[in-house]
Amino acid sequence: MKQALFLILDEYADWEGAYLSSTLNQSEDWSVHTISLEDTVSSIGGFKTAVDYIIGSEPEDFNLLVMVGGNTWNNDHKKLFHLIKTAFQNNIPIGAICGGVDYLAKNGFLNDYNHTGNSVDAWNDYENYHAKSSFFQQQAVKDKNLVTANGTAPIEFTHLVLELVAFDTSENIKRMMYMYKYGFYHYCEKYGGPF
C-alpha cells in the first residue's frame, strides 16, 4: 500500500488538504497519515489533530509528501528542513500549497522547478530564491515531482497531485474534480449519476 504523509504545522489550513486526503484515503491503494514537529497541532479552523508521526519517526518508504499551508511555515527547525530535503533528493512526489510553497521558496527548493504560490513578490527578501522567471500566475503548477499551488486552489492542487502520483486515469481524475468544483447536480447533467 502506498503511503501519503500530510505535513501539518500548528495553525495549518485544514481546507487546503481536505479534498486530496479524502480522495486518497478512500482508495484501497493508499493510506493517509499526518506528520509534524509536535504530537498535537491545531488548525486555523480550530481542529485539534493528534499526528501519526513526529518528524524523524516517519517510515522511510512513503510515496507522497503533502505540505499543507498555514500560519507557521516561517520555521527554521532542522528536522523539518531535513525531511523536505530528503524527499527532494529521493525524488518523492511532493505537493506544496500556500505557506508550504513559501517555505520551499525561502529555502531554495524551487530554483529548478516551474512553480506558483501566493505571491512571488512576497519572496523578494529570500536570499535562496533565484527562480522568479519560473513563477507562473496560475492556481497550481506541476513540474517533475513537484506540485505547487496558492492558498485559494485546493481543488486544482488536488487535481495535479492525483495526476502526479497516477492515482487514476486523467479522465477519471477530471470527472472527480468536476464534481468537487461544480457540485453534484452539474456533474449529473454532464456525466450522469455517479452511483
N, C-alpha and C. Protein backbone atom coordinates (compact mmCIF):
# COMPACT_ATOMS: atom_id res chain seq x y z
N MET A 1 0.84 -1.19 0.00
CA MET A 1 0.00 0.00 0.00
C MET A 1 0.88 1.25 0.00
N LYS A 2 0.49 2.24 -0.80
CA LYS A 2 1.24 3.49 -0.86
C LYS A 2 0.87 4.38 0.32
N GLN A 3 1.85 5.13 0.80
CA GLN A 3 1.63 5.99 1.96
C GLN A 3 1.80 7.46 1.60
N ALA A 4 0.81 8.26 1.96
CA ALA A 4 0.88 9.70 1.81
C ALA A 4 1.06 10.33 3.18
N LEU A 5 2.08 11.18 3.31
CA LEU A 5 2.30 11.90 4.57
C LEU A 5 1.87 13.35 4.38
N PHE A 6 0.93 13.79 5.20
CA PHE A 6 0.46 15.17 5.18
C PHE A 6 1.17 15.93 6.29
N LEU A 7 2.05 16.82 5.89
CA LEU A 7 2.86 17.60 6.82
C LEU A 7 2.06 18.80 7.26
N ILE A 8 1.67 18.81 8.53
CA ILE A 8 0.82 19.87 9.08
C ILE A 8 1.51 20.49 10.29
N LEU A 9 1.74 21.78 10.22
CA LEU A 9 2.29 22.51 11.35
C LEU A 9 1.16 23.16 12.12
N ASP A 10 1.46 23.67 13.31
CA ASP A 10 0.42 24.32 14.09
C ASP A 10 -0.18 25.47 13.30
N GLU A 11 -1.47 25.68 13.45
CA GLU A 11 -2.25 26.65 12.69
C GLU A 11 -2.25 26.31 11.19
N TYR A 12 -2.38 25.01 10.90
CA TYR A 12 -2.44 24.60 9.49
C TYR A 12 -3.81 24.93 8.89
N ALA A 13 -3.81 25.09 7.57
CA ALA A 13 -5.04 25.45 6.84
C ALA A 13 -5.80 24.17 6.50
N ASP A 14 -6.74 23.80 7.33
CA ASP A 14 -7.40 22.49 7.22
C ASP A 14 -8.09 22.25 5.89
N TRP A 15 -8.55 23.29 5.22
CA TRP A 15 -9.26 23.12 3.95
C TRP A 15 -8.33 22.83 2.78
N GLU A 16 -7.04 23.15 2.92
CA GLU A 16 -6.15 23.04 1.77
C GLU A 16 -5.79 21.61 1.40
N GLY A 17 -5.83 20.70 2.33
CA GLY A 17 -5.51 19.31 2.04
C GLY A 17 -6.71 18.38 2.09
N ALA A 18 -7.89 18.92 2.36
CA ALA A 18 -9.06 18.07 2.61
C ALA A 18 -9.51 17.28 1.39
N TYR A 19 -9.58 17.91 0.22
CA TYR A 19 -10.00 17.19 -0.98
C TYR A 19 -9.01 16.08 -1.32
N LEU A 20 -7.74 16.39 -1.21
CA LEU A 20 -6.71 15.40 -1.55
C LEU A 20 -6.68 14.25 -0.56
N SER A 21 -6.69 14.56 0.73
CA SER A 21 -6.61 13.49 1.73
C SER A 21 -7.83 12.58 1.67
N SER A 22 -9.02 13.16 1.50
CA SER A 22 -10.23 12.33 1.46
C SER A 22 -10.28 11.47 0.21
N THR A 23 -9.77 11.99 -0.91
CA THR A 23 -9.74 11.19 -2.14
C THR A 23 -8.76 10.03 -2.00
N LEU A 24 -7.56 10.31 -1.54
CA LEU A 24 -6.56 9.25 -1.36
C LEU A 24 -7.03 8.22 -0.34
N ASN A 25 -7.60 8.68 0.76
CA ASN A 25 -7.95 7.79 1.86
C ASN A 25 -9.09 6.84 1.52
N GLN A 26 -9.87 7.15 0.49
CA GLN A 26 -10.95 6.26 0.08
C GLN A 26 -10.48 5.17 -0.88
N SER A 27 -9.21 5.22 -1.25
CA SER A 27 -8.65 4.22 -2.16
C SER A 27 -8.04 3.08 -1.37
N GLU A 28 -8.20 1.86 -1.86
CA GLU A 28 -7.58 0.70 -1.22
C GLU A 28 -6.07 0.68 -1.44
N ASP A 29 -5.59 1.51 -2.37
CA ASP A 29 -4.16 1.53 -2.70
C ASP A 29 -3.36 2.53 -1.88
N TRP A 30 -4.04 3.40 -1.14
CA TRP A 30 -3.35 4.46 -0.41
C TRP A 30 -3.74 4.48 1.06
N SER A 31 -2.80 4.86 1.91
CA SER A 31 -3.09 5.19 3.31
C SER A 31 -2.61 6.61 3.56
N VAL A 32 -3.34 7.34 4.37
CA VAL A 32 -3.05 8.74 4.65
C VAL A 32 -2.64 8.87 6.11
N HIS A 33 -1.52 9.56 6.34
CA HIS A 33 -1.01 9.79 7.70
C HIS A 33 -0.59 11.24 7.83
N THR A 34 -0.59 11.72 9.06
CA THR A 34 -0.14 13.08 9.34
C THR A 34 1.23 13.04 10.00
N ILE A 35 1.99 14.12 9.77
CA ILE A 35 3.33 14.25 10.34
C ILE A 35 3.55 15.70 10.73
N SER A 36 4.26 15.93 11.83
CA SER A 36 4.52 17.29 12.27
C SER A 36 5.73 17.31 13.20
N LEU A 37 6.04 18.50 13.68
CA LEU A 37 7.09 18.68 14.66
C LEU A 37 6.61 18.41 16.08
N GLU A 38 5.30 18.43 16.27
CA GLU A 38 4.69 18.22 17.58
C GLU A 38 3.68 17.08 17.49
N ASP A 39 3.35 16.49 18.63
CA ASP A 39 2.41 15.36 18.58
C ASP A 39 0.96 15.79 18.44
N THR A 40 0.67 17.06 18.72
CA THR A 40 -0.69 17.60 18.54
C THR A 40 -0.58 19.01 17.96
N VAL A 41 -1.36 19.28 16.93
CA VAL A 41 -1.40 20.61 16.34
C VAL A 41 -2.86 21.03 16.18
N SER A 42 -3.07 22.33 16.06
CA SER A 42 -4.41 22.86 15.83
C SER A 42 -4.47 23.51 14.46
N SER A 43 -5.62 23.40 13.83
CA SER A 43 -5.81 24.03 12.52
C SER A 43 -6.33 25.44 12.69
N ILE A 44 -6.28 26.20 11.61
CA ILE A 44 -6.86 27.54 11.62
C ILE A 44 -8.35 27.45 11.94
N GLY A 45 -9.00 26.38 11.49
CA GLY A 45 -10.42 26.18 11.74
C GLY A 45 -10.74 25.65 13.13
N GLY A 46 -9.73 25.42 13.96
CA GLY A 46 -9.97 25.00 15.34
C GLY A 46 -9.94 23.51 15.59
N PHE A 47 -9.59 22.69 14.58
CA PHE A 47 -9.48 21.25 14.79
C PHE A 47 -8.17 20.94 15.51
N LYS A 48 -8.24 20.21 16.62
CA LYS A 48 -7.03 19.71 17.26
C LYS A 48 -6.73 18.34 16.66
N THR A 49 -5.51 18.16 16.17
CA THR A 49 -5.15 16.95 15.45
C THR A 49 -3.99 16.26 16.15
N ALA A 50 -4.19 15.01 16.55
CA ALA A 50 -3.11 14.18 17.06
C ALA A 50 -2.42 13.55 15.86
N VAL A 51 -1.17 13.90 15.63
CA VAL A 51 -0.50 13.46 14.42
C VAL A 51 0.00 12.02 14.56
N ASP A 52 0.18 11.38 13.41
CA ASP A 52 0.63 9.99 13.39
C ASP A 52 2.13 9.85 13.62
N TYR A 53 2.90 10.79 13.07
CA TYR A 53 4.36 10.71 13.17
C TYR A 53 4.94 12.06 13.55
N ILE A 54 5.89 12.03 14.48
CA ILE A 54 6.74 13.18 14.72
C ILE A 54 7.87 13.09 13.70
N ILE A 55 8.27 14.21 13.11
CA ILE A 55 9.34 14.19 12.12
C ILE A 55 10.57 13.50 12.71
N GLY A 56 11.07 12.53 11.97
CA GLY A 56 12.19 11.70 12.42
C GLY A 56 11.76 10.28 12.71
N SER A 57 10.45 10.08 12.92
CA SER A 57 9.94 8.73 13.19
C SER A 57 9.11 8.18 12.04
N GLU A 58 9.07 8.92 10.91
CA GLU A 58 8.24 8.52 9.78
C GLU A 58 8.83 7.30 9.08
N PRO A 59 7.99 6.55 8.34
CA PRO A 59 8.50 5.43 7.56
C PRO A 59 9.43 5.91 6.46
N GLU A 60 10.41 5.12 6.11
CA GLU A 60 11.37 5.51 5.09
C GLU A 60 10.80 5.42 3.68
N ASP A 61 9.78 4.61 3.50
CA ASP A 61 9.30 4.30 2.15
C ASP A 61 7.97 4.96 1.81
N PHE A 62 7.74 6.19 2.27
CA PHE A 62 6.48 6.86 1.92
C PHE A 62 6.52 7.29 0.46
N ASN A 63 5.33 7.47 -0.13
CA ASN A 63 5.20 7.69 -1.58
C ASN A 63 4.77 9.08 -1.98
N LEU A 64 4.39 9.91 -1.01
CA LEU A 64 3.93 11.27 -1.30
C LEU A 64 4.07 12.10 -0.04
N LEU A 65 4.63 13.31 -0.20
CA LEU A 65 4.71 14.27 0.90
C LEU A 65 3.85 15.47 0.51
N VAL A 66 2.89 15.81 1.36
CA VAL A 66 1.99 16.94 1.11
C VAL A 66 2.23 17.99 2.19
N MET A 67 2.66 19.16 1.77
CA MET A 67 2.94 20.26 2.68
C MET A 67 1.73 21.19 2.71
N VAL A 68 0.90 21.01 3.73
CA VAL A 68 -0.33 21.79 3.86
C VAL A 68 0.01 23.17 4.41
N GLY A 69 -0.55 24.20 3.80
CA GLY A 69 -0.25 25.57 4.21
C GLY A 69 -0.75 25.90 5.60
N GLY A 70 -0.47 27.12 6.01
CA GLY A 70 -0.88 27.57 7.34
C GLY A 70 -0.07 28.78 7.76
N ASN A 71 -0.16 29.11 9.04
CA ASN A 71 0.42 30.35 9.55
C ASN A 71 1.81 30.22 10.16
N THR A 72 2.39 29.00 10.21
CA THR A 72 3.65 28.85 10.93
C THR A 72 4.76 28.21 10.09
N TRP A 73 4.72 28.47 8.78
CA TRP A 73 5.76 27.92 7.91
C TRP A 73 7.05 28.74 7.95
N ASN A 74 7.06 29.87 8.62
CA ASN A 74 8.30 30.62 8.80
C ASN A 74 9.08 29.95 9.91
N ASN A 75 9.64 28.79 9.60
CA ASN A 75 10.17 27.87 10.59
C ASN A 75 11.57 27.43 10.16
N ASP A 76 12.50 27.46 11.10
CA ASP A 76 13.88 27.08 10.79
C ASP A 76 14.29 25.77 11.46
N HIS A 77 13.33 24.95 11.84
CA HIS A 77 13.65 23.70 12.52
C HIS A 77 14.44 22.77 11.59
N LYS A 78 15.56 22.27 12.08
CA LYS A 78 16.45 21.45 11.25
C LYS A 78 15.80 20.14 10.81
N LYS A 79 14.99 19.53 11.66
CA LYS A 79 14.34 18.26 11.29
C LYS A 79 13.35 18.46 10.15
N LEU A 80 12.66 19.59 10.16
CA LEU A 80 11.72 19.91 9.08
C LEU A 80 12.46 20.06 7.76
N PHE A 81 13.54 20.82 7.78
CA PHE A 81 14.35 21.02 6.58
C PHE A 81 14.90 19.68 6.06
N HIS A 82 15.38 18.85 6.96
CA HIS A 82 15.97 17.56 6.57
C HIS A 82 14.93 16.65 5.91
N LEU A 83 13.71 16.60 6.47
CA LEU A 83 12.64 15.78 5.89
C LEU A 83 12.36 16.20 4.45
N ILE A 84 12.21 17.49 4.24
CA ILE A 84 11.86 18.00 2.91
C ILE A 84 13.03 17.82 1.94
N LYS A 85 14.23 18.12 2.39
CA LYS A 85 15.41 17.94 1.54
C LYS A 85 15.57 16.48 1.12
N THR A 86 15.36 15.57 2.05
CA THR A 86 15.48 14.14 1.75
C THR A 86 14.43 13.71 0.74
N ALA A 87 13.20 14.23 0.87
CA ALA A 87 12.14 13.91 -0.10
C ALA A 87 12.53 14.37 -1.50
N PHE A 88 13.08 15.57 -1.62
CA PHE A 88 13.54 16.05 -2.92
C PHE A 88 14.68 15.19 -3.45
N GLN A 89 15.65 14.87 -2.61
CA GLN A 89 16.80 14.07 -3.04
C GLN A 89 16.39 12.68 -3.51
N ASN A 90 15.34 12.13 -2.89
CA ASN A 90 14.87 10.79 -3.24
C ASN A 90 13.80 10.80 -4.33
N ASN A 91 13.54 12.00 -4.90
CA ASN A 91 12.58 12.15 -5.99
C ASN A 91 11.17 11.67 -5.60
N ILE A 92 10.82 11.85 -4.35
CA ILE A 92 9.48 11.51 -3.86
C ILE A 92 8.51 12.58 -4.35
N PRO A 93 7.34 12.23 -4.84
CA PRO A 93 6.36 13.24 -5.22
C PRO A 93 6.02 14.15 -4.03
N ILE A 94 6.00 15.45 -4.30
CA ILE A 94 5.75 16.44 -3.26
C ILE A 94 4.66 17.39 -3.74
N GLY A 95 3.71 17.67 -2.89
CA GLY A 95 2.71 18.69 -3.14
C GLY A 95 2.83 19.75 -2.06
N ALA A 96 2.92 21.01 -2.46
CA ALA A 96 3.02 22.11 -1.50
C ALA A 96 2.01 23.19 -1.88
N ILE A 97 1.29 23.66 -0.89
CA ILE A 97 0.27 24.67 -1.13
C ILE A 97 0.44 25.80 -0.12
N CYS A 98 0.22 27.02 -0.58
CA CYS A 98 0.19 28.22 0.26
C CYS A 98 1.49 28.39 1.04
N GLY A 99 1.44 28.37 2.36
CA GLY A 99 2.63 28.57 3.18
C GLY A 99 3.70 27.52 2.96
N GLY A 100 3.30 26.32 2.55
CA GLY A 100 4.27 25.29 2.23
C GLY A 100 5.15 25.69 1.06
N VAL A 101 4.57 26.40 0.08
CA VAL A 101 5.35 26.89 -1.06
C VAL A 101 6.28 28.01 -0.62
N ASP A 102 5.79 28.86 0.27
CA ASP A 102 6.66 29.92 0.80
C ASP A 102 7.91 29.32 1.43
N TYR A 103 7.73 28.24 2.17
CA TYR A 103 8.87 27.56 2.80
C TYR A 103 9.84 27.05 1.74
N LEU A 104 9.32 26.45 0.69
CA LEU A 104 10.19 25.94 -0.38
C LEU A 104 10.96 27.07 -1.04
N ALA A 105 10.29 28.21 -1.28
CA ALA A 105 10.97 29.35 -1.88
C ALA A 105 12.07 29.87 -0.96
N LYS A 106 11.77 30.04 0.31
CA LYS A 106 12.73 30.59 1.27
C LYS A 106 13.98 29.73 1.37
N ASN A 107 13.81 28.43 1.21
CA ASN A 107 14.93 27.51 1.39
C ASN A 107 15.56 27.03 0.08
N GLY A 108 15.20 27.65 -1.04
CA GLY A 108 15.85 27.38 -2.31
C GLY A 108 15.41 26.12 -3.02
N PHE A 109 14.32 25.50 -2.59
CA PHE A 109 13.87 24.25 -3.20
C PHE A 109 13.18 24.46 -4.55
N LEU A 110 12.75 25.68 -4.86
CA LEU A 110 12.00 25.93 -6.10
C LEU A 110 12.89 26.31 -7.28
N ASN A 111 14.17 26.47 -7.06
CA ASN A 111 15.04 27.06 -8.08
C ASN A 111 15.14 26.25 -9.36
N ASP A 112 14.87 24.97 -9.31
CA ASP A 112 14.96 24.12 -10.51
C ASP A 112 13.59 23.66 -11.01
N TYR A 113 12.53 24.36 -10.59
CA TYR A 113 11.16 23.94 -10.93
C TYR A 113 10.34 25.11 -11.43
N ASN A 114 9.45 24.86 -12.38
CA ASN A 114 8.35 25.77 -12.64
C ASN A 114 7.42 25.68 -11.45
N HIS A 115 6.82 26.79 -11.04
CA HIS A 115 6.05 26.77 -9.80
C HIS A 115 5.10 27.97 -9.75
N THR A 116 4.25 27.94 -8.74
CA THR A 116 3.39 29.06 -8.41
C THR A 116 3.36 29.20 -6.90
N GLY A 117 2.54 30.08 -6.41
CA GLY A 117 2.41 30.31 -4.97
C GLY A 117 1.49 31.49 -4.75
N ASN A 118 1.47 31.99 -3.53
CA ASN A 118 0.57 33.11 -3.24
C ASN A 118 1.02 34.40 -3.93
N SER A 119 2.33 34.70 -3.86
CA SER A 119 2.84 35.92 -4.47
C SER A 119 4.35 35.84 -4.58
N VAL A 120 4.87 35.94 -5.79
CA VAL A 120 6.32 35.91 -5.97
C VAL A 120 6.96 37.15 -5.34
N ASP A 121 6.24 38.25 -5.29
CA ASP A 121 6.78 39.47 -4.71
C ASP A 121 7.02 39.33 -3.20
N ALA A 122 6.28 38.45 -2.56
CA ALA A 122 6.48 38.22 -1.13
C ALA A 122 7.80 37.52 -0.84
N TRP A 123 8.44 37.00 -1.87
CA TRP A 123 9.69 36.26 -1.71
C TRP A 123 10.91 37.10 -2.05
N ASN A 124 10.75 38.39 -2.28
CA ASN A 124 11.86 39.26 -2.70
C ASN A 124 13.03 39.25 -1.72
N ASP A 125 12.77 39.04 -0.45
CA ASP A 125 13.83 39.07 0.56
C ASP A 125 14.43 37.69 0.83
N TYR A 126 13.98 36.68 0.09
CA TYR A 126 14.51 35.33 0.31
C TYR A 126 15.83 35.18 -0.45
N GLU A 127 16.92 35.12 0.26
CA GLU A 127 18.25 35.04 -0.35
C GLU A 127 18.45 33.79 -1.19
N ASN A 128 17.76 32.70 -0.83
CA ASN A 128 17.95 31.42 -1.53
C ASN A 128 16.99 31.21 -2.70
N TYR A 129 16.13 32.18 -2.95
CA TYR A 129 15.17 32.05 -4.06
C TYR A 129 15.71 32.76 -5.29
N HIS A 130 15.94 32.01 -6.37
CA HIS A 130 16.52 32.56 -7.59
C HIS A 130 15.75 32.12 -8.83
N ALA A 131 14.44 32.02 -8.73
CA ALA A 131 13.67 31.43 -9.83
C ALA A 131 12.45 32.25 -10.19
N LYS A 132 12.55 33.56 -10.09
CA LYS A 132 11.38 34.42 -10.37
C LYS A 132 10.84 34.19 -11.78
N SER A 133 11.72 33.91 -12.74
CA SER A 133 11.29 33.69 -14.12
C SER A 133 10.54 32.37 -14.29
N SER A 134 10.61 31.49 -13.30
CA SER A 134 9.92 30.20 -13.37
C SER A 134 8.61 30.21 -12.57
N PHE A 135 8.21 31.40 -12.10
CA PHE A 135 6.95 31.55 -11.36
C PHE A 135 5.82 31.82 -12.35
N PHE A 136 4.72 31.10 -12.23
CA PHE A 136 3.57 31.27 -13.10
C PHE A 136 2.36 31.70 -12.28
N GLN A 137 1.65 32.70 -12.76
CA GLN A 137 0.44 33.17 -12.08
C GLN A 137 -0.72 32.25 -12.44
N GLN A 138 -0.70 31.07 -11.86
CA GLN A 138 -1.72 30.05 -12.06
C GLN A 138 -2.13 29.50 -10.70
N GLN A 139 -3.28 28.87 -10.65
CA GLN A 139 -3.76 28.31 -9.39
C GLN A 139 -2.84 27.19 -8.89
N ALA A 140 -2.39 26.35 -9.80
CA ALA A 140 -1.50 25.25 -9.42
C ALA A 140 -0.61 24.93 -10.61
N VAL A 141 0.60 24.45 -10.32
CA VAL A 141 1.58 24.11 -11.36
C VAL A 141 2.22 22.77 -11.00
N LYS A 142 2.35 21.91 -12.01
CA LYS A 142 3.04 20.62 -11.82
C LYS A 142 4.30 20.63 -12.66
N ASP A 143 5.44 20.28 -12.04
CA ASP A 143 6.70 20.17 -12.76
C ASP A 143 7.53 19.07 -12.11
N LYS A 144 7.93 18.10 -12.91
CA LYS A 144 8.71 16.95 -12.44
C LYS A 144 7.98 16.30 -11.26
N ASN A 145 8.62 16.20 -10.09
CA ASN A 145 8.00 15.52 -8.95
C ASN A 145 7.32 16.50 -7.99
N LEU A 146 7.04 17.73 -8.44
CA LEU A 146 6.51 18.76 -7.54
C LEU A 146 5.24 19.40 -8.07
N VAL A 147 4.26 19.57 -7.17
CA VAL A 147 3.06 20.38 -7.45
C VAL A 147 3.06 21.52 -6.44
N THR A 148 2.88 22.75 -6.95
CA THR A 148 2.74 23.91 -6.08
C THR A 148 1.40 24.58 -6.36
N ALA A 149 0.86 25.26 -5.35
CA ALA A 149 -0.44 25.91 -5.51
C ALA A 149 -0.55 27.08 -4.55
N ASN A 150 -1.40 28.04 -4.90
CA ASN A 150 -1.69 29.12 -3.95
C ASN A 150 -2.81 28.68 -3.01
N GLY A 151 -3.03 29.47 -1.99
CA GLY A 151 -3.96 29.07 -0.94
C GLY A 151 -5.42 29.04 -1.32
N THR A 152 -5.77 29.54 -2.51
CA THR A 152 -7.17 29.50 -2.96
C THR A 152 -7.41 28.36 -3.94
N ALA A 153 -6.49 27.41 -4.01
CA ALA A 153 -6.55 26.39 -5.06
C ALA A 153 -6.56 24.95 -4.56
N PRO A 154 -7.34 24.61 -3.54
CA PRO A 154 -7.30 23.23 -3.06
C PRO A 154 -7.79 22.21 -4.09
N ILE A 155 -8.71 22.59 -4.96
CA ILE A 155 -9.21 21.64 -5.96
C ILE A 155 -8.19 21.46 -7.08
N GLU A 156 -7.65 22.56 -7.58
CA GLU A 156 -6.62 22.47 -8.62
C GLU A 156 -5.39 21.73 -8.10
N PHE A 157 -5.03 21.99 -6.86
CA PHE A 157 -3.93 21.30 -6.20
C PHE A 157 -4.18 19.79 -6.15
N THR A 158 -5.37 19.42 -5.72
CA THR A 158 -5.74 18.00 -5.65
C THR A 158 -5.63 17.36 -7.03
N HIS A 159 -6.16 18.03 -8.04
CA HIS A 159 -6.14 17.51 -9.40
C HIS A 159 -4.72 17.17 -9.85
N LEU A 160 -3.80 18.13 -9.69
CA LEU A 160 -2.44 17.92 -10.18
C LEU A 160 -1.67 16.91 -9.34
N VAL A 161 -1.91 16.87 -8.05
CA VAL A 161 -1.22 15.86 -7.22
C VAL A 161 -1.72 14.46 -7.59
N LEU A 162 -3.01 14.31 -7.81
CA LEU A 162 -3.54 13.00 -8.23
C LEU A 162 -2.93 12.57 -9.56
N GLU A 163 -2.75 13.52 -10.48
CA GLU A 163 -2.08 13.20 -11.74
C GLU A 163 -0.62 12.83 -11.50
N LEU A 164 0.04 13.58 -10.63
CA LEU A 164 1.46 13.34 -10.34
C LEU A 164 1.71 11.92 -9.85
N VAL A 165 0.83 11.41 -9.00
CA VAL A 165 1.02 10.06 -8.43
C VAL A 165 0.28 9.00 -9.23
N ALA A 166 -0.26 9.36 -10.40
CA ALA A 166 -1.00 8.43 -11.26
C ALA A 166 -2.08 7.69 -10.47
N PHE A 167 -2.88 8.47 -9.75
CA PHE A 167 -3.94 7.92 -8.90
C PHE A 167 -4.99 7.17 -9.71
N ASP A 168 -5.32 7.70 -10.88
CA ASP A 168 -6.35 7.12 -11.75
C ASP A 168 -6.07 7.64 -13.16
N THR A 169 -6.94 7.32 -14.09
CA THR A 169 -6.78 7.87 -15.44
C THR A 169 -7.03 9.37 -15.40
N SER A 170 -6.48 10.08 -16.37
CA SER A 170 -6.69 11.53 -16.45
C SER A 170 -8.17 11.86 -16.54
N GLU A 171 -8.93 11.06 -17.31
CA GLU A 171 -10.36 11.32 -17.48
C GLU A 171 -11.11 11.13 -16.16
N ASN A 172 -10.79 10.09 -15.41
CA ASN A 172 -11.47 9.87 -14.13
C ASN A 172 -11.13 10.95 -13.11
N ILE A 173 -9.88 11.38 -13.09
CA ILE A 173 -9.50 12.46 -12.19
C ILE A 173 -10.23 13.74 -12.57
N LYS A 174 -10.31 14.02 -13.85
CA LYS A 174 -11.02 15.20 -14.33
C LYS A 174 -12.49 15.17 -13.89
N ARG A 175 -13.11 14.00 -13.97
CA ARG A 175 -14.52 13.87 -13.56
C ARG A 175 -14.68 14.11 -12.06
N MET A 176 -13.76 13.56 -11.25
CA MET A 176 -13.82 13.78 -9.80
C MET A 176 -13.72 15.27 -9.48
N MET A 177 -12.79 15.94 -10.13
CA MET A 177 -12.59 17.36 -9.86
C MET A 177 -13.77 18.19 -10.32
N TYR A 178 -14.42 17.75 -11.39
CA TYR A 178 -15.61 18.46 -11.87
C TYR A 178 -16.69 18.44 -10.78
N MET A 179 -16.88 17.30 -10.14
CA MET A 179 -17.89 17.23 -9.08
C MET A 179 -17.50 18.13 -7.91
N TYR A 180 -16.22 18.09 -7.50
CA TYR A 180 -15.78 18.94 -6.40
C TYR A 180 -16.01 20.42 -6.72
N LYS A 181 -15.74 20.79 -7.96
CA LYS A 181 -15.79 22.20 -8.32
C LYS A 181 -17.21 22.70 -8.59
N TYR A 182 -18.02 21.89 -9.26
CA TYR A 182 -19.33 22.36 -9.71
C TYR A 182 -20.51 21.72 -8.99
N GLY A 183 -20.26 20.69 -8.21
CA GLY A 183 -21.32 20.09 -7.42
C GLY A 183 -22.03 18.94 -8.11
N PHE A 184 -22.82 18.26 -7.31
CA PHE A 184 -23.48 17.01 -7.72
C PHE A 184 -24.40 17.19 -8.93
N TYR A 185 -25.24 18.22 -8.89
CA TYR A 185 -26.25 18.34 -9.95
C TYR A 185 -25.64 18.71 -11.30
N HIS A 186 -24.64 19.58 -11.30
CA HIS A 186 -23.96 19.88 -12.56
C HIS A 186 -23.20 18.65 -13.07
N TYR A 187 -22.63 17.90 -12.12
CA TYR A 187 -21.95 16.66 -12.52
C TYR A 187 -22.93 15.71 -13.21
N CYS A 188 -24.11 15.55 -12.63
CA CYS A 188 -25.11 14.64 -13.22
C CYS A 188 -25.56 15.11 -14.60
N GLU A 189 -25.69 16.42 -14.78
CA GLU A 189 -26.05 16.95 -16.09
C GLU A 189 -25.00 16.63 -17.13
N LYS A 190 -23.73 16.69 -16.74
CA LYS A 190 -22.63 16.49 -17.68
C LYS A 190 -22.31 15.00 -17.89
N TYR A 191 -22.26 14.24 -16.78
CA TYR A 191 -21.76 12.87 -16.84
C TYR A 191 -22.80 11.80 -16.49
N GLY A 192 -23.94 12.20 -15.97
CA GLY A 192 -24.91 11.22 -15.47
C GLY A 192 -24.64 10.96 -14.00
N GLY A 193 -25.48 10.16 -13.39
CA GLY A 193 -25.35 9.86 -11.96
C GLY A 193 -24.04 9.11 -11.65
N PRO A 194 -23.37 9.47 -10.55
CA PRO A 194 -22.11 8.82 -10.21
C PRO A 194 -22.28 7.47 -9.50
N PHE A 195 -23.51 7.13 -9.11
CA PHE A 195 -23.70 5.92 -8.30
C PHE A 195 -24.42 4.84 -9.10
